PDB file of N, CA and C in Angstrom:
ATOM      1  N   MET A   1       4.839 -42.632 -28.156  1.00  0.00           N
ATOM      2  CA  MET A   1       4.261 -41.724 -27.329  1.00  0.00           C
ATOM      3  C   MET A   1       2.876 -41.560 -27.998  1.00  0.00           C
ATOM      4  N   ALA A   2       1.866 -41.345 -26.722  1.00  0.00           N
ATOM      5  CA  ALA A   2       0.685 -41.560 -27.015  1.00  0.00           C
ATOM      6  C   ALA A   2       0.172 -39.996 -27.528  1.00  0.00           C
ATOM      7  N   LYS A   3      -0.796 -40.136 -28.666  1.00  0.00           N
ATOM      8  CA  LYS A   3      -1.193 -38.764 -29.245  1.00  0.00           C
ATOM      9  C   LYS A   3      -2.368 -38.226 -28.030  1.00  0.00           C
ATOM     10  N   PHE A   4      -2.279 -36.939 -28.156  1.00  0.00           N
ATOM     11  CA  PHE A   4      -3.435 -36.320 -27.295  1.00  0.00           C
ATOM     12  C   PHE A   4      -4.505 -35.705 -28.358  1.00  0.00           C
ATOM     13  N   ASN A   5      -5.642 -35.532 -27.435  1.00  0.00           N
ATOM     14  CA  ASN A   5      -6.756 -35.078 -28.425  1.00  0.00           C
ATOM     15  C   ASN A   5      -6.211 -33.723 -28.631  1.00  0.00           C
ATOM     16  N   ASN A   6      -6.974 -32.698 -29.549  1.00  0.00           N
ATOM     17  CA  ASN A   6      -6.744 -31.370 -29.632  1.00  0.00           C
ATOM     18  C   ASN A   6      -7.114 -30.742 -28.170  1.00  0.00           C
ATOM     19  N   LYS A   7      -8.115 -30.781 -27.397  1.00  0.00           N
ATOM     20  CA  LYS A   7      -8.602 -30.072 -26.002  1.00  0.00           C
ATOM     21  C   LYS A   7      -7.271 -30.529 -25.318  1.00  0.00           C
ATOM     22  N   ALA A   8      -7.107 -31.602 -25.149  1.00  0.00           N
ATOM     23  CA  ALA A   8      -5.936 -32.044 -23.832  1.00  0.00           C
ATOM     24  C   ALA A   8      -4.531 -31.401 -24.268  1.00  0.00           C
ATOM     25  N   SER A   9      -4.250 -31.279 -25.573  1.00  0.00           N
ATOM     26  CA  SER A   9      -3.005 -30.561 -26.031  1.00  0.00           C
ATOM     27  C   SER A   9      -3.253 -29.204 -25.488  1.00  0.00           C
ATOM     28  N   MET A  10      -4.295 -28.480 -25.732  1.00  0.00           N
ATOM     29  CA  MET A  10      -4.405 -27.014 -25.679  1.00  0.00           C
ATOM     30  C   MET A  10      -4.464 -26.754 -24.124  1.00  0.00           C
ATOM     31  N   LEU A  11      -4.854 -27.643 -23.086  1.00  0.00           N
ATOM     32  CA  LEU A  11      -5.014 -27.597 -21.821  1.00  0.00           C
ATOM     33  C   LEU A  11      -3.454 -27.779 -21.325  1.00  0.00           C
ATOM     34  N   LEU A  12      -2.879 -28.609 -21.843  1.00  0.00           N
ATOM     35  CA  LEU A  12      -1.374 -28.982 -21.354  1.00  0.00           C
ATOM     36  C   LEU A  12      -0.666 -27.713 -21.406  1.00  0.00           C
ATOM     37  N   LYS A  13      -0.635 -27.190 -22.982  1.00  0.00           N
ATOM     38  CA  LYS A  13       0.014 -26.031 -23.445  1.00  0.00           C
ATOM     39  C   LYS A  13      -0.163 -24.827 -22.337  1.00  0.00           C
ATOM     40  N   LEU A  14      -1.606 -24.625 -22.009  1.00  0.00           N
ATOM     41  CA  LEU A  14      -2.033 -23.641 -21.339  1.00  0.00           C
ATOM     42  C   LEU A  14      -1.501 -23.775 -19.668  1.00  0.00           C
ATOM     43  N   ALA A  15      -1.476 -25.041 -19.248  1.00  0.00           N
ATOM     44  CA  ALA A  15      -1.022 -25.078 -17.759  1.00  0.00           C
ATOM     45  C   ALA A  15       0.236 -24.868 -17.839  1.00  0.00           C
ATOM     46  N   ILE A  16       1.322 -25.214 -18.894  1.00  0.00           N
ATOM     47  CA  ILE A  16       2.620 -24.865 -18.995  1.00  0.00           C
ATOM     48  C   ILE A  16       3.032 -23.525 -19.121  1.00  0.00           C
ATOM     49  N   MET A  17       2.169 -22.907 -20.010  1.00  0.00           N
ATOM     50  CA  MET A  17       2.185 -21.387 -20.037  1.00  0.00           C
ATOM     51  C   MET A  17       2.231 -20.453 -18.504  1.00  0.00           C
ATOM     52  N   LEU A  18       0.979 -21.127 -17.762  1.00  0.00           N
ATOM     53  CA  LEU A  18       0.852 -20.487 -16.645  1.00  0.00           C
ATOM     54  C   LEU A  18       1.913 -20.804 -15.508  1.00  0.00           C
ATOM     55  N   SER A  19       2.257 -22.073 -15.803  1.00  0.00           N
ATOM     56  CA  SER A  19       3.470 -22.367 -14.842  1.00  0.00           C
ATOM     57  C   SER A  19       4.518 -21.689 -15.049  1.00  0.00           C
ATOM     58  N   LEU A  20       5.062 -21.482 -16.237  1.00  0.00           N
ATOM     59  CA  LEU A  20       6.064 -20.566 -16.569  1.00  0.00           C
ATOM     60  C   LEU A  20       5.820 -19.034 -16.084  1.00  0.00           C
ATOM     61  N   PHE A  21       4.615 -18.523 -16.165  1.00  0.00           N
ATOM     62  CA  PHE A  21       4.276 -17.218 -15.716  1.00  0.00           C
ATOM     63  C   PHE A  21       4.522 -17.011 -14.460  1.00  0.00           C
ATOM     64  N   VAL A  22       4.255 -18.049 -13.608  1.00  0.00           N
ATOM     65  CA  VAL A  22       4.280 -18.229 -12.095  1.00  0.00           C
ATOM     66  C   VAL A  22       5.721 -18.165 -11.753  1.00  0.00           C
ATOM     67  N   MET A  23       6.589 -19.052 -12.283  1.00  0.00           N
ATOM     68  CA  MET A  23       7.889 -19.032 -11.919  1.00  0.00           C
ATOM     69  C   MET A  23       8.641 -17.904 -12.308  1.00  0.00           C
ATOM     70  N   ILE A  24       8.433 -17.261 -13.339  1.00  0.00           N
ATOM     71  CA  ILE A  24       9.095 -15.882 -13.815  1.00  0.00           C
ATOM     72  C   ILE A  24       8.658 -14.790 -13.049  1.00  0.00           C
ATOM     73  N   SER A  25       7.522 -14.861 -12.580  1.00  0.00           N
ATOM     74  CA  SER A  25       7.098 -13.703 -11.666  1.00  0.00           C
ATOM     75  C   SER A  25       7.613 -13.889 -10.412  1.00  0.00           C
ATOM     76  N   THR A  26       7.555 -15.262  -9.819  1.00  0.00           N
ATOM     77  CA  THR A  26       8.173 -15.435  -8.574  1.00  0.00           C
ATOM     78  C   THR A  26       9.675 -15.250  -8.466  1.00  0.00           C
ATOM     79  N   ALA A  27      10.341 -15.662  -9.688  1.00  0.00           N
ATOM     80  CA  ALA A  27      11.746 -15.241  -9.683  1.00  0.00           C
ATOM     81  C   ALA A  27      12.438 -13.809  -9.693  1.00  0.00           C
ATOM     82  N   GLN A  28      11.385 -13.127 -10.259  1.00  0.00           N
ATOM     83  CA  GLN A  28      11.455 -11.187 -10.334  1.00  0.00           C
ATOM     84  C   GLN A  28      10.968 -10.649  -9.193  1.00  0.00           C
ATOM     85  N   SER A  29      10.285 -11.324  -8.451  1.00  0.00           N
ATOM     86  CA  SER A  29       9.671 -11.017  -7.092  1.00  0.00           C
ATOM     87  C   SER A  29       8.732  -9.895  -7.506  1.00  0.00           C
ATOM     88  N   ARG A  30       7.704 -10.338  -8.420  1.00  0.00           N
ATOM     89  CA  ARG A  30       6.811  -9.369  -8.796  1.00  0.00           C
ATOM     90  C   ARG A  30       5.565  -9.878  -8.490  1.00  0.00           C
ATOM     91  N   LYS A  31       4.585  -9.200  -7.824  1.00  0.00           N
ATOM     92  CA  LYS A  31       3.402  -9.687  -7.505  1.00  0.00           C
ATOM     93  C   LYS A  31       2.382  -9.671  -8.584  1.00  0.00           C
ATOM     94  N   ILE A  32       1.641 -10.738  -8.601  1.00  0.00           N
ATOM     95  CA  ILE A  32       0.555 -10.822  -9.791  1.00  0.00           C
ATOM     96  C   ILE A  32      -0.481 -10.184  -9.104  1.00  0.00           C
ATOM     97  N   SER A  33      -1.016  -9.194  -9.925  1.00  0.00           N
ATOM     98  CA  SER A  33      -2.332  -8.348  -9.588  1.00  0.00           C
ATOM     99  C   SER A  33      -3.607  -9.043  -9.627  1.00  0.00           C
ATOM    100  N   ILE A  34      -3.798 -10.315  -9.019  1.00  0.00           N
ATOM    101  CA  ILE A  34      -5.016 -10.850  -8.818  1.00  0.00           C
ATOM    102  C   ILE A  34      -5.354 -10.897  -7.420  1.00  0.00           C
ATOM    103  N   GLY A  35      -4.987 -10.378  -6.615  1.00  0.00           N
ATOM    104  CA  GLY A  35      -5.502 -10.517  -5.009  1.00  0.00           C
ATOM    105  C   GLY A  35      -4.447 -10.908  -4.283  1.00  0.00           C
ATOM    106  N   PHE A  36      -3.126 -11.299  -4.819  1.00  0.00           N
ATOM    107  CA  PHE A  36      -2.435 -12.070  -3.824  1.00  0.00           C
ATOM    108  C   PHE A  36      -1.214 -11.119  -3.309  1.00  0.00           C
ATOM    109  N   GLY A  37      -0.872 -11.296  -2.122  1.00  0.00           N
ATOM    110  CA  GLY A  37       0.397 -10.210  -1.674  1.00  0.00           C
ATOM    111  C   GLY A  37      -0.170  -9.369  -0.571  1.00  0.00           C
ATOM    112  N   ASN A  38       0.390  -8.739  -0.015  1.00  0.00           N
ATOM    113  CA  ASN A  38      -0.121  -7.823   1.139  1.00  0.00           C
ATOM    114  C   ASN A  38       0.615  -6.566   0.783  1.00  0.00           C
ATOM    115  N   ALA A  39       0.335  -5.830  -0.405  1.00  0.00           N
ATOM    116  CA  ALA A  39       0.869  -4.629  -0.732  1.00  0.00           C
ATOM    117  C   ALA A  39       0.406  -3.351  -0.011  1.00  0.00           C
ATOM    118  N   LYS A  40       1.076  -2.584   0.288  1.00  0.00           N
ATOM    119  CA  LYS A  40       0.970  -1.476   1.060  1.00  0.00           C
ATOM    120  C   LYS A  40       1.337  -0.099   0.204  1.00  0.00           C
ATOM    121  N   SER A  41       0.491   0.644   0.261  1.00  0.00           N
ATOM    122  CA  SER A  41       0.823   2.171  -0.483  1.00  0.00           C
ATOM    123  C   SER A  41       1.548   2.822   0.479  1.00  0.00           C
ATOM    124  N   THR A  42       2.488   3.503  -0.064  1.00  0.00           N
ATOM    125  CA  THR A  42       3.287   4.678   0.418  1.00  0.00           C
ATOM    126  C   THR A  42       2.232   6.018   0.622  1.00  0.00           C
ATOM    127  N   PRO A  43       2.080   6.577   1.668  1.00  0.00           N
ATOM    128  CA  PRO A  43       1.710   7.777   1.908  1.00  0.00           C
ATOM    129  C   PRO A  43       2.011   8.953   1.193  1.00  0.00           C
ATOM    130  N   GLU A  44       1.338   9.594   0.498  1.00  0.00           N
ATOM    131  CA  GLU A  44       1.693  10.831  -0.402  1.00  0.00           C
ATOM    132  C   GLU A  44       1.112  12.067   0.381  1.00  0.00           C
ATOM    133  N   CYS A  45       1.928  13.187   0.712  1.00  0.00           N
ATOM    134  CA  CYS A  45       1.519  14.216   1.272  1.00  0.00           C
ATOM    135  C   CYS A  45       1.356  15.539   0.477  1.00  0.00           C
ATOM    136  N   ASP A  46       0.372  16.104   0.511  1.00  0.00           N
ATOM    137  CA  ASP A  46      -0.217  17.328  -0.552  1.00  0.00           C
ATOM    138  C   ASP A  46       0.161  18.637   0.468  1.00  0.00           C
ATOM    139  N   SER A  47      -0.151  18.504   1.705  1.00  0.00           N
ATOM    140  CA  SER A  47      -0.388  19.948   2.492  1.00  0.00           C
ATOM    141  C   SER A  47       0.408  19.407   3.817  1.00  0.00           C
ATOM    142  N   VAL A  48       1.127  20.566   4.373  1.00  0.00           N
ATOM    143  CA  VAL A  48       1.815  20.030   5.519  1.00  0.00           C
ATOM    144  C   VAL A  48       1.636  21.318   6.661  1.00  0.00           C
ATOM    145  N   TYR A  49       1.779  21.237   7.971  1.00  0.00           N
ATOM    146  CA  TYR A  49       1.357  21.924   8.882  1.00  0.00           C
ATOM    147  C   TYR A  49       2.664  21.864   9.837  1.00  0.00           C
ATOM    148  N   GLY A  50       3.029  23.050  10.608  1.00  0.00           N
ATOM    149  CA  GLY A  50       4.109  23.260  11.520  1.00  0.00           C
ATOM    150  C   GLY A  50       3.352  23.297  12.856  1.00  0.00           C
ATOM    151  N   ALA A  51       3.446  21.976  13.686  1.00  0.00           N
ATOM    152  CA  ALA A  51       2.890  21.834  14.853  1.00  0.00           C
ATOM    153  C   ALA A  51       3.324  23.224  15.824  1.00  0.00           C
ATOM    154  N   GLN A  52       2.037  23.305  16.495  1.00  0.00           N
ATOM    155  CA  GLN A  52       2.352  24.773  17.453  1.00  0.00           C
ATOM    156  C   GLN A  52       2.153  24.144  19.044  1.00  0.00           C
ATOM    157  N   ASP A  53       2.337  24.801  19.954  1.00  0.00           N
ATOM    158  CA  ASP A  53       2.363  24.633  21.443  1.00  0.00           C
ATOM    159  C   ASP A  53       1.063  23.868  21.723  1.00  0.00           C
ATOM    160  N   GLY A  54       0.744  22.869  22.474  1.00  0.00           N
ATOM    161  CA  GLY A  54      -0.327  22.281  22.829  1.00  0.00           C
ATOM    162  C   GLY A  54      -1.307  21.447  21.748  1.00  0.00           C
ATOM    163  N   ASP A  55      -0.724  21.261  20.775  1.00  0.00           N
ATOM    164  CA  ASP A  55      -1.230  20.555  19.387  1.00  0.00           C
ATOM    165  C   ASP A  55      -1.363  19.124  20.010  1.00  0.00           C
ATOM    166  N   THR A  56      -2.375  18.341  19.603  1.00  0.00           N
ATOM    167  CA  THR A  56      -2.167  16.806  19.933  1.00  0.00           C
ATOM    168  C   THR A  56      -2.972  16.392  18.375  1.00  0.00           C
ATOM    169  N   CYS A  57      -2.752  15.021  18.594  1.00  0.00           N
ATOM    170  CA  CYS A  57      -3.399  14.422  17.276  1.00  0.00           C
ATOM    171  C   CYS A  57      -4.781  14.433  17.052  1.00  0.00           C
ATOM    172  N   THR A  58      -5.522  14.501  18.158  1.00  0.00           N
ATOM    173  CA  THR A  58      -6.736  14.491  18.123  1.00  0.00           C
ATOM    174  C   THR A  58      -7.442  15.683  17.689  1.00  0.00           C
ATOM    175  N   SER A  59      -6.689  17.062  18.329  1.00  0.00           N
ATOM    176  CA  SER A  59      -6.824  18.439  18.000  1.00  0.00           C
ATOM    177  C   SER A  59      -6.744  18.737  16.741  1.00  0.00           C
ATOM    178  N   LEU A  60      -5.738  18.235  16.185  1.00  0.00           N
ATOM    179  CA  LEU A  60      -5.073  18.414  14.606  1.00  0.00           C
ATOM    180  C   LEU A  60      -6.008  17.657  13.701  1.00  0.00           C
ATOM    181  N   ALA A  61      -6.289  16.533  14.088  1.00  0.00           N
ATOM    182  CA  ALA A  61      -7.278  15.642  13.238  1.00  0.00           C
ATOM    183  C   ALA A  61      -8.649  16.678  13.005  1.00  0.00           C
ATOM    184  N   ALA A  62      -9.179  16.991  14.181  1.00  0.00           N
ATOM    185  CA  ALA A  62     -10.430  17.825  14.243  1.00  0.00           C
ATOM    186  C   ALA A  62     -10.233  19.126  13.434  1.00  0.00           C
ATOM    187  N   GLN A  63      -9.052  19.920  13.663  1.00  0.00           N
ATOM    188  CA  GLN A  63      -8.683  21.017  13.115  1.00  0.00           C
ATOM    189  C   GLN A  63      -8.857  20.880  11.351  1.00  0.00           C
ATOM    190  N   PHE A  64      -8.511  19.905  11.157  1.00  0.00           N
ATOM    191  CA  PHE A  64      -8.335  19.577   9.770  1.00  0.00           C
ATOM    192  C   PHE A  64      -9.021  18.815   8.886  1.00  0.00           C
ATOM    193  N   ASP A  65     -10.291  18.462   9.866  1.00  0.00           N
ATOM    194  CA  ASP A  65     -11.474  17.809   9.578  1.00  0.00           C
ATOM    195  C   ASP A  65     -10.985  16.234   8.786  1.00  0.00           C
ATOM    196  N   LEU A  66     -10.097  15.741   9.764  1.00  0.00           N
ATOM    197  CA  LEU A  66      -9.615  14.298   9.484  1.00  0.00           C
ATOM    198  C   LEU A  66     -10.193  13.344  10.325  1.00  0.00           C
ATOM    199  N   THR A  67     -10.227  11.986  10.145  1.00  0.00           N
ATOM    200  CA  THR A  67     -10.237  11.144  11.005  1.00  0.00           C
ATOM    201  C   THR A  67      -8.783  11.030  11.605  1.00  0.00           C
ATOM    202  N   LEU A  68      -8.852  10.433  13.015  1.00  0.00           N
ATOM    203  CA  LEU A  68      -7.506  10.228  13.853  1.00  0.00           C
ATOM    204  C   LEU A  68      -6.926   8.893  12.906  1.00  0.00           C
ATOM    205  N   GLU A  69      -7.673   8.058  12.450  1.00  0.00           N
ATOM    206  CA  GLU A  69      -6.939   6.920  11.766  1.00  0.00           C
ATOM    207  C   GLU A  69      -6.416   7.487  10.534  1.00  0.00           C
ATOM    208  N   PHE A  70      -7.185   8.402   9.775  1.00  0.00           N
ATOM    209  CA  PHE A  70      -6.601   8.780   8.573  1.00  0.00           C
ATOM    210  C   PHE A  70      -5.111   9.688   8.788  1.00  0.00           C
ATOM    211  N   PHE A  71      -5.333  10.439   9.693  1.00  0.00           N
ATOM    212  CA  PHE A  71      -4.069  11.363   9.993  1.00  0.00           C
ATOM    213  C   PHE A  71      -3.081  10.573  10.417  1.00  0.00           C
ATOM    214  N   SER A  72      -3.279   9.621  11.051  1.00  0.00           N
ATOM    215  CA  SER A  72      -2.235   8.535  11.695  1.00  0.00           C
ATOM    216  C   SER A  72      -1.493   7.823  10.559  1.00  0.00           C
ATOM    217  N   SER A  73      -2.339   7.351   9.410  1.00  0.00           N
ATOM    218  CA  SER A  73      -1.963   7.188   8.243  1.00  0.00           C
ATOM    219  C   SER A  73      -1.205   7.652   7.496  1.00  0.00           C
ATOM    220  N   ILE A  74      -1.452   9.089   7.184  1.00  0.00           N
ATOM    221  CA  ILE A  74      -0.655   9.877   6.332  1.00  0.00           C
ATOM    222  C   ILE A  74       0.590  10.692   7.019  1.00  0.00           C
ATOM    223  N   ASN A  75       0.678  10.382   8.230  1.00  0.00           N
ATOM    224  CA  ASN A  75       2.067  10.589   9.160  1.00  0.00           C
ATOM    225  C   ASN A  75       2.318   9.031   9.982  1.00  0.00           C
ATOM    226  N   PRO A  76       2.844   8.436   9.285  1.00  0.00           N
ATOM    227  CA  PRO A  76       3.163   7.108   9.578  1.00  0.00           C
ATOM    228  C   PRO A  76       4.009   6.939  10.973  1.00  0.00           C
ATOM    229  N   ASN A  77       5.124   7.641  11.102  1.00  0.00           N
ATOM    230  CA  ASN A  77       6.193   7.739  12.119  1.00  0.00           C
ATOM    231  C   ASN A  77       5.871   8.667  13.114  1.00  0.00           C
ATOM    232  N   LEU A  78       4.571   9.088  13.558  1.00  0.00           N
ATOM    233  CA  LEU A  78       3.870  10.088  14.297  1.00  0.00           C
ATOM    234  C   LEU A  78       3.799   9.503  15.576  1.00  0.00           C
ATOM    235  N   ASN A  79       4.670  10.165  16.718  1.00  0.00           N
ATOM    236  CA  ASN A  79       4.358   9.676  17.773  1.00  0.00           C
ATOM    237  C   ASN A  79       3.497  10.700  18.621  1.00  0.00           C
ATOM    238  N   CYS A  80       2.118  10.321  18.876  1.00  0.00           N
ATOM    239  CA  CYS A  80       1.089  11.370  19.362  1.00  0.00           C
ATOM    240  C   CYS A  80       1.588  11.630  20.705  1.00  0.00           C
ATOM    241  N   ASP A  81       2.287  11.023  21.230  1.00  0.00           N
ATOM    242  CA  ASP A  81       2.721  11.556  22.645  1.00  0.00           C
ATOM    243  C   ASP A  81       3.878  12.475  22.739  1.00  0.00           C
ATOM    244  N   ALA A  82       4.241  12.725  21.639  1.00  0.00           N
ATOM    245  CA  ALA A  82       5.405  13.573  21.595  1.00  0.00           C
ATOM    246  C   ALA A  82       5.493  14.671  20.658  1.00  0.00           C
ATOM    247  N   ILE A  83       4.607  15.194  20.092  1.00  0.00           N
ATOM    248  CA  ILE A  83       4.574  16.189  19.234  1.00  0.00           C
ATOM    249  C   ILE A  83       5.259  17.352  19.377  1.00  0.00           C
ATOM    250  N   PHE A  84       6.257  17.933  18.906  1.00  0.00           N
ATOM    251  CA  PHE A  84       6.766  19.078  19.204  1.00  0.00           C
ATOM    252  C   PHE A  84       6.721  20.249  18.464  1.00  0.00           C
ATOM    253  N   VAL A  85       6.873  21.664  18.728  1.00  0.00           N
ATOM    254  CA  VAL A  85       6.477  22.658  18.265  1.00  0.00           C
ATOM    255  C   VAL A  85       7.575  22.610  16.852  1.00  0.00           C
ATOM    256  N   GLY A  86       6.935  23.112  15.765  1.00  0.00           N
ATOM    257  CA  GLY A  86       7.720  23.200  14.442  1.00  0.00           C
ATOM    258  C   GLY A  86       7.680  21.770  13.794  1.00  0.00           C
ATOM    259  N   GLN A  87       7.275  20.765  14.378  1.00  0.00           N
ATOM    260  CA  GLN A  87       7.251  19.399  13.632  1.00  0.00           C
ATOM    261  C   GLN A  87       6.279  19.477  12.506  1.00  0.00           C
ATOM    262  N   TRP A  88       6.716  19.089  11.122  1.00  0.00           N
ATOM    263  CA  TRP A  88       6.180  19.155  10.238  1.00  0.00           C
ATOM    264  C   TRP A  88       5.293  17.936  10.032  1.00  0.00           C
ATOM    265  N   LEU A  89       4.014  18.104   9.987  1.00  0.00           N
ATOM    266  CA  LEU A  89       2.803  17.214   9.835  1.00  0.00           C
ATOM    267  C   LEU A  89       2.058  17.222   8.587  1.00  0.00           C
ATOM    268  N   CYS A  90       1.656  16.247   8.029  1.00  0.00           N
ATOM    269  CA  CYS A  90       0.992  16.084   6.731  1.00  0.00           C
ATOM    270  C   CYS A  90      -0.384  16.072   7.136  1.00  0.00           C
ATOM    271  N   THR A  91      -1.311  16.993   6.719  1.00  0.00           N
ATOM    272  CA  THR A  91      -2.629  17.530   6.896  1.00  0.00           C
ATOM    273  C   THR A  91      -3.621  17.093   5.699  1.00  0.00           C
ATOM    274  N   ASP A  92      -3.070  16.697   4.409  1.00  0.00           N
ATOM    275  CA  ASP A  92      -3.676  16.412   3.536  1.00  0.00           C
ATOM    276  C   ASP A  92      -2.874  15.400   2.294  1.00  0.00           C
ATOM    277  N   GLY A  93      -3.565  14.420   1.792  1.00  0.00           N
ATOM    278  CA  GLY A  93      -2.783  13.612   0.927  1.00  0.00           C
ATOM    279  C   GLY A  93      -3.492  12.251   0.958  1.00  0.00           C
ATOM    280  N   THR A  94      -3.003  11.358   0.518  1.00  0.00           N
ATOM    281  CA  THR A  94      -3.352  10.052   0.174  1.00  0.00           C
ATOM    282  C   THR A  94      -2.493   8.889   1.064  1.00  0.00           C
ATOM    283  N   ALA A  95      -3.241   8.208   1.819  1.00  0.00           N
ATOM    284  CA  ALA A  95      -2.639   6.955   2.716  1.00  0.00           C
ATOM    285  C   ALA A  95      -2.883   5.772   1.876  1.00  0.00           C
TER     286      ALA A  95
END
């Protein structure tokens, strides 16, 4: 068996450790937090509003000073064409 110099030996050990890390992470279905994956955050609601007659996504976004995009992102299952009276809508939170 050929002897490795100290640098080559250290690089080989590092490569083996990184390979094991990737295999274990993959086996446990964990994402490596260095920019890989398509992680989506779950919206968190801090304040709700009960819809009233005539409310629309656009009017509610304007009423609560939100962009329509943000309003839709904190209410992910909202059908803007079918808002009903009494429907609870998130008006503040994180998306």
